[in-house]
Amino acid sequence: MRIRILILSAAVAAGGVGISTYEHYASRYPSTDDAYISANVVQVAPQVSGAVDRVFVSNQQQVAKGDPLFSIEETPFRYALQQAQSQLALARQQVAQDEAGVASAKAEVHRREVLLGNAKARNKRAHSLQKKDFLSQQDVEDAEAEYKSAQANLDVAHARLNEARERLGQPGDANDKVVSAKARVDQARWQLDHTHVDAACTGQVSELDLQPGTVARADNPQFVLICNDAYWVIANYKETDL
């Protein structure tokens, strides 16, 4: 009987020690069943809108960063790029014509300046000769009229030069027409380049039901890519555990 009491007492004591040890351990290392693993998830979406022509992956497939995922029919984007390049060529041609117009207007100004100088010299000489009675009054008036006409023609030439310069704006590729056309070319080329969608990270394809012929909208996710570069656990503890 005494032995049973001793054994029971030892069991109770051991149980108490075990409970105390567990409570001490649990207070330092809480645990929970309410937890899950998480990772970086990329929403795969095209940056341009169009009909999907090829899908290179399947659901749950492992892919490496840079691998092709799907592509959008690029024909309309090629046409848009060709049209933009054509518009750029026309803009440069127009600028070249305007530059030629400025050069021609400058030449005309120079020619009118020479004519004005000659007319001014003749007018001065006519007045000088009139004082010596070598020219009639009519000759002097004709010389003055020629001088005034030359001055007026030079004013017109300057006005046309200013108009040609305003029409041209900045020369070469700095011209607004060319800059705008180049921007449209860059945009069209960017859109063409983005008809191909590649993996942004190494990971696993998920939630994929994309099929060729589907019209994909820009910035509208088509499936997800679960990156495997990092994983972490999110655990939900009870307040009493914390």
Protein backbone atom coordinates (compact mmCIF):
# COMPACT_ATOMS: atom_id res chain seq x y z
CA MET A 1 0.00 0.00 0.00
CA ARG A 2 2.79 2.32 0.93
CA ILE A 3 4.54 1.50 -2.34
CA ARG A 4 1.41 2.41 -4.34
CA ILE A 5 1.15 5.71 -2.53
CA LEU A 6 4.79 6.44 -3.27
CA ILE A 7 4.35 5.53 -6.94
CA LEU A 8 1.20 7.67 -7.22
CA SER A 9 2.93 10.57 -5.51
CA ALA A 10 5.89 10.24 -7.86
CA ALA A 11 3.56 10.17 -10.89
CA VAL A 12 1.72 13.28 -9.70
CA ALA A 13 4.98 15.03 -9.08
CA ALA A 14 6.30 14.04 -12.47
CA GLY A 15 3.09 15.21 -14.11
CA GLY A 16 3.32 18.52 -12.32
CA VAL A 17 6.90 18.96 -13.42
CA GLY A 18 5.93 18.03 -16.99
CA ILE A 19 3.05 20.51 -17.03
CA SER A 20 5.23 23.21 -15.57
CA THR A 21 7.97 22.48 -18.10
CA TYR A 22 5.49 22.54 -21.00
CA GLU A 23 3.94 25.80 -19.82
CA HIS A 24 7.39 27.34 -19.54
CA TYR A 25 8.34 26.08 -23.01
CA ALA A 26 5.01 27.21 -24.52
CA SER A 27 5.44 30.64 -23.02
CA ARG A 28 8.80 30.99 -24.76
CA TYR A 29 7.96 29.11 -27.98
CA PRO A 30 4.25 29.51 -28.81
CA SER A 31 2.77 27.41 -31.62
CA THR A 32 -0.34 27.46 -33.78
CA ASP A 33 -2.04 25.36 -36.46
CA ASP A 34 -3.40 28.52 -38.13
CA ALA A 35 -0.46 29.21 -40.48
CA TYR A 36 0.35 29.11 -44.16
CA ILE A 37 3.30 29.57 -46.51
CA SER A 38 3.43 32.67 -48.72
CA ALA A 39 5.62 33.84 -51.60
CA ASN A 40 5.94 36.69 -54.08
CA VAL A 41 3.14 36.46 -56.64
CA VAL A 42 3.30 38.27 -59.97
CA GLN A 43 0.05 39.09 -61.75
CA VAL A 44 0.92 38.39 -65.39
CA ALA A 45 -0.69 41.02 -67.63
CA PRO A 46 0.19 42.35 -71.09
CA GLN A 47 1.08 46.01 -71.54
CA VAL A 48 -0.73 46.20 -74.88
CA SER A 49 -4.15 44.98 -75.97
CA GLY A 50 -4.65 42.42 -78.70
CA ALA A 51 -5.52 38.87 -79.67
CA VAL A 52 -3.33 36.16 -78.14
CA ASP A 53 -1.71 34.08 -80.87
CA ARG A 54 0.55 31.77 -78.84
CA VAL A 55 0.70 30.45 -75.27
CA PHE A 56 4.08 28.93 -74.44
CA VAL A 57 3.36 27.51 -70.97
CA SER A 58 0.84 25.31 -69.19
CA ASN A 59 -0.69 25.48 -65.75
CA GLN A 60 1.64 24.56 -62.85
CA GLN A 61 4.66 24.65 -65.18
CA GLN A 62 8.01 25.75 -63.79
CA VAL A 63 9.61 28.59 -65.75
CA ALA A 64 12.84 30.56 -65.52
CA LYS A 65 13.10 34.33 -65.48
CA GLY A 66 12.91 35.64 -69.06
CA ASP A 67 11.15 32.56 -70.48
CA PRO A 68 8.33 33.39 -72.94
CA LEU A 69 4.85 33.04 -71.46
CA PHE A 70 2.54 34.16 -74.28
CA SER A 71 2.46 36.55 -77.22
CA ILE A 72 -0.07 38.85 -78.86
CA GLU A 73 -0.63 39.03 -82.61
CA GLU A 74 1.96 41.59 -83.72
CA THR A 75 0.77 42.35 -87.27
CA PRO A 76 -1.24 45.50 -86.41
CA PHE A 77 1.64 46.74 -84.28
CA ARG A 78 4.08 46.22 -87.18
CA TYR A 79 1.78 48.24 -89.44
CA ALA A 80 1.58 50.98 -86.82
CA LEU A 81 5.38 51.10 -86.60
CA GLN A 82 5.74 51.27 -90.38
CA GLN A 83 3.22 54.09 -90.55
CA ALA A 84 5.00 56.01 -87.78
CA GLN A 85 8.34 55.57 -89.56
CA SER A 86 6.77 56.86 -92.77
CA GLN A 87 5.44 59.90 -90.94
CA LEU A 88 8.91 60.52 -89.50
CA ALA A 89 10.43 60.42 -93.00
CA LEU A 90 7.81 62.89 -94.23
CA ALA A 91 8.48 65.18 -91.27
CA ARG A 92 12.19 65.18 -92.00
CA GLN A 93 11.49 65.85 -95.67
CA GLN A 94 9.26 68.79 -94.74
CA VAL A 95 11.92 70.18 -92.43
CA ALA A 96 14.51 69.87 -95.20
CA GLN A 97 12.21 71.81 -97.53
CA ASP A 98 11.67 74.48 -94.89
CA GLU A 99 15.43 74.72 -94.33
CA ALA A 100 15.88 75.19 -98.08
CA GLY A 101 13.21 77.90 -97.94
CA VAL A 102 15.15 79.71 -95.21
CA ALA A 103 18.37 79.44 -97.21
CA SER A 104 16.61 80.81 -100.31
CA ALA A 105 15.11 83.68 -98.30
CA LYS A 106 18.53 84.52 -96.89
CA ALA A 107 19.98 84.59 -100.40
CA GLU A 108 17.19 86.91 -101.51
CA VAL A 109 17.88 89.24 -98.58
CA HIS A 110 21.56 89.33 -99.53
CA ARG A 111 20.67 90.07 -103.17
CA ARG A 112 18.32 92.86 -102.13
CA GLU A 113 20.99 94.32 -99.85
CA VAL A 114 23.39 94.46 -102.79
CA LEU A 115 20.75 96.11 -104.99
CA LEU A 116 19.95 98.60 -102.25
CA GLY A 117 23.63 99.45 -101.89
CA ASN A 118 23.91 100.04 -105.62
CA ALA A 119 20.73 102.13 -105.68
CA LYS A 120 21.95 104.18 -102.73
CA ALA A 121 25.26 104.84 -104.46
CA ARG A 122 23.53 105.88 -107.70
CA ASN A 123 21.15 108.14 -105.81
CA LYS A 124 24.06 109.83 -104.03
CA ARG A 125 25.93 110.25 -107.29
CA ALA A 126 22.85 111.63 -109.03
CA HIS A 127 22.47 114.33 -106.39
CA SER A 128 26.13 115.15 -106.69
CA LEU A 129 25.96 115.40 -110.47
CA GLN A 130 22.80 117.51 -110.29
CA LYS A 131 24.65 120.10 -108.25
CA LYS A 132 27.12 120.32 -111.11
CA ASP A 133 24.28 120.46 -113.64
CA PHE A 134 25.33 117.17 -115.17
CA LEU A 135 21.92 115.50 -114.56
CA SER A 136 18.36 116.66 -114.93
CA GLN A 137 15.81 116.77 -112.13
CA GLN A 138 14.06 113.79 -113.72
CA ASP A 139 17.21 111.73 -113.54
CA VAL A 140 17.58 112.54 -109.86
CA GLU A 141 13.95 111.64 -109.17
CA ASP A 142 14.43 108.36 -111.01
CA ALA A 143 17.49 107.58 -108.86
CA GLU A 144 15.57 108.40 -105.68
CA ALA A 145 12.64 106.22 -106.79
CA GLU A 146 15.01 103.36 -107.52
CA TYR A 147 16.57 103.74 -104.05
CA LYS A 148 13.20 103.75 -102.29
CA SER A 149 12.04 100.76 -104.31
CA ALA A 150 15.21 98.87 -103.40
CA GLN A 151 14.63 99.66 -99.72
CA ALA A 152 11.04 98.43 -99.92
CA ASN A 153 12.10 95.26 -101.70
CA LEU A 154 14.68 94.61 -98.96
CA ASP A 155 11.97 95.04 -96.30
CA VAL A 156 9.81 92.50 -98.12
CA ALA A 157 12.76 90.09 -98.34
CA HIS A 158 13.36 90.40 -94.58
CA ALA A 159 9.66 89.72 -93.90
CA ARG A 160 9.76 86.60 -96.08
CA LEU A 161 12.90 85.42 -94.29
CA ASN A 162 11.18 85.81 -90.92
CA GLU A 163 8.18 83.87 -92.22
CA ALA A 164 10.45 81.09 -93.49
CA ARG A 165 12.23 80.90 -90.13
CA GLU A 166 8.94 80.74 -88.22
CA ARG A 167 7.69 78.03 -90.57
CA LEU A 168 10.88 76.03 -90.02
CA GLY A 169 11.27 76.39 -86.27
CA GLN A 170 14.27 74.42 -85.00
CA PRO A 171 16.38 72.86 -87.76
CA GLY A 172 17.15 69.16 -88.16
CA ASP A 173 16.00 66.55 -85.63
CA ALA A 174 15.42 69.28 -83.03
CA ASN A 175 12.40 70.43 -85.04
CA ASP A 176 9.06 69.94 -83.28
CA LYS A 177 7.61 68.01 -86.23
CA VAL A 178 10.51 65.56 -86.18
CA VAL A 179 10.52 65.24 -82.39
CA SER A 180 6.81 64.44 -82.39
CA ALA A 181 7.17 61.93 -85.23
CA LYS A 182 10.13 60.25 -83.50
CA ALA A 183 8.06 59.93 -80.32
CA ARG A 184 5.34 58.14 -82.28
CA VAL A 185 7.94 55.79 -83.75
CA ASP A 186 9.34 55.05 -80.28
CA GLN A 187 5.84 54.40 -78.94
CA ALA A 188 4.96 52.10 -81.85
CA ARG A 189 8.25 50.18 -81.44
CA TRP A 190 7.66 49.87 -77.67
CA GLN A 191 4.18 48.48 -78.27
CA LEU A 192 5.51 45.98 -80.81
CA ASP A 193 8.23 44.85 -78.39
CA HIS A 194 5.63 44.30 -75.66
CA THR A 195 3.51 41.91 -77.72
CA HIS A 196 5.76 39.24 -76.19
CA VAL A 197 5.24 38.63 -72.46
CA ASP A 198 8.13 36.99 -70.58
CA ALA A 199 8.46 35.64 -67.05
CA ALA A 200 9.41 38.35 -64.56
CA CYS A 201 10.91 35.80 -62.16
CA THR A 202 11.73 32.12 -61.83
CA GLY A 203 8.73 30.28 -60.48
CA GLN A 204 5.55 28.35 -61.15
CA VAL A 205 2.64 29.25 -63.41
CA SER A 206 -0.75 29.13 -61.73
CA GLU A 207 -4.41 29.86 -62.52
CA LEU A 208 -3.73 29.64 -66.25
CA ASP A 209 -6.68 29.22 -68.61
CA LEU A 210 -5.45 31.54 -71.39
CA GLN A 211 -6.02 30.23 -74.93
CA PRO A 212 -4.95 31.46 -78.38
CA GLY A 213 -7.60 33.74 -79.82
CA THR A 214 -8.40 35.34 -76.48
CA VAL A 215 -8.41 39.14 -76.62
CA ALA A 216 -6.09 40.26 -73.83
CA ARG A 217 -6.50 43.76 -72.47
CA ALA A 218 -3.57 45.89 -71.38
CA ASP A 219 -2.92 45.73 -67.61
CA ASN A 220 -5.58 43.02 -67.21
CA PRO A 221 -4.02 39.98 -65.42
CA GLN A 222 -4.34 36.69 -67.32
CA PHE A 223 -2.77 34.35 -64.71
CA VAL A 224 -0.23 34.43 -61.90
CA LEU A 225 3.42 33.49 -61.54
CA ILE A 226 4.52 32.33 -58.08
CA CYS A 227 8.15 33.31 -57.67
CA ASN A 228 10.37 30.82 -55.86
CA ASP A 229 13.12 33.24 -54.88
CA ALA A 230 11.71 33.63 -51.36
CA TYR A 231 9.14 31.90 -49.13
CA TRP A 232 7.89 32.81 -45.68
CA VAL A 233 5.36 31.59 -43.13
CA ILE A 234 2.47 33.71 -41.90
CA ALA A 235 1.19 32.35 -38.56
CA ASN A 236 -1.90 33.58 -36.71
CA TYR A 237 -1.38 33.24 -32.92
CA LYS A 238 -3.93 33.68 -30.18
CA GLU A 239 -3.62 36.82 -28.13
CA THR A 240 -3.03 34.72 -25.01
CA ASP A 241 -0.06 33.05 -26.75
CA LEU A 242 1.43 36.42 -27.58
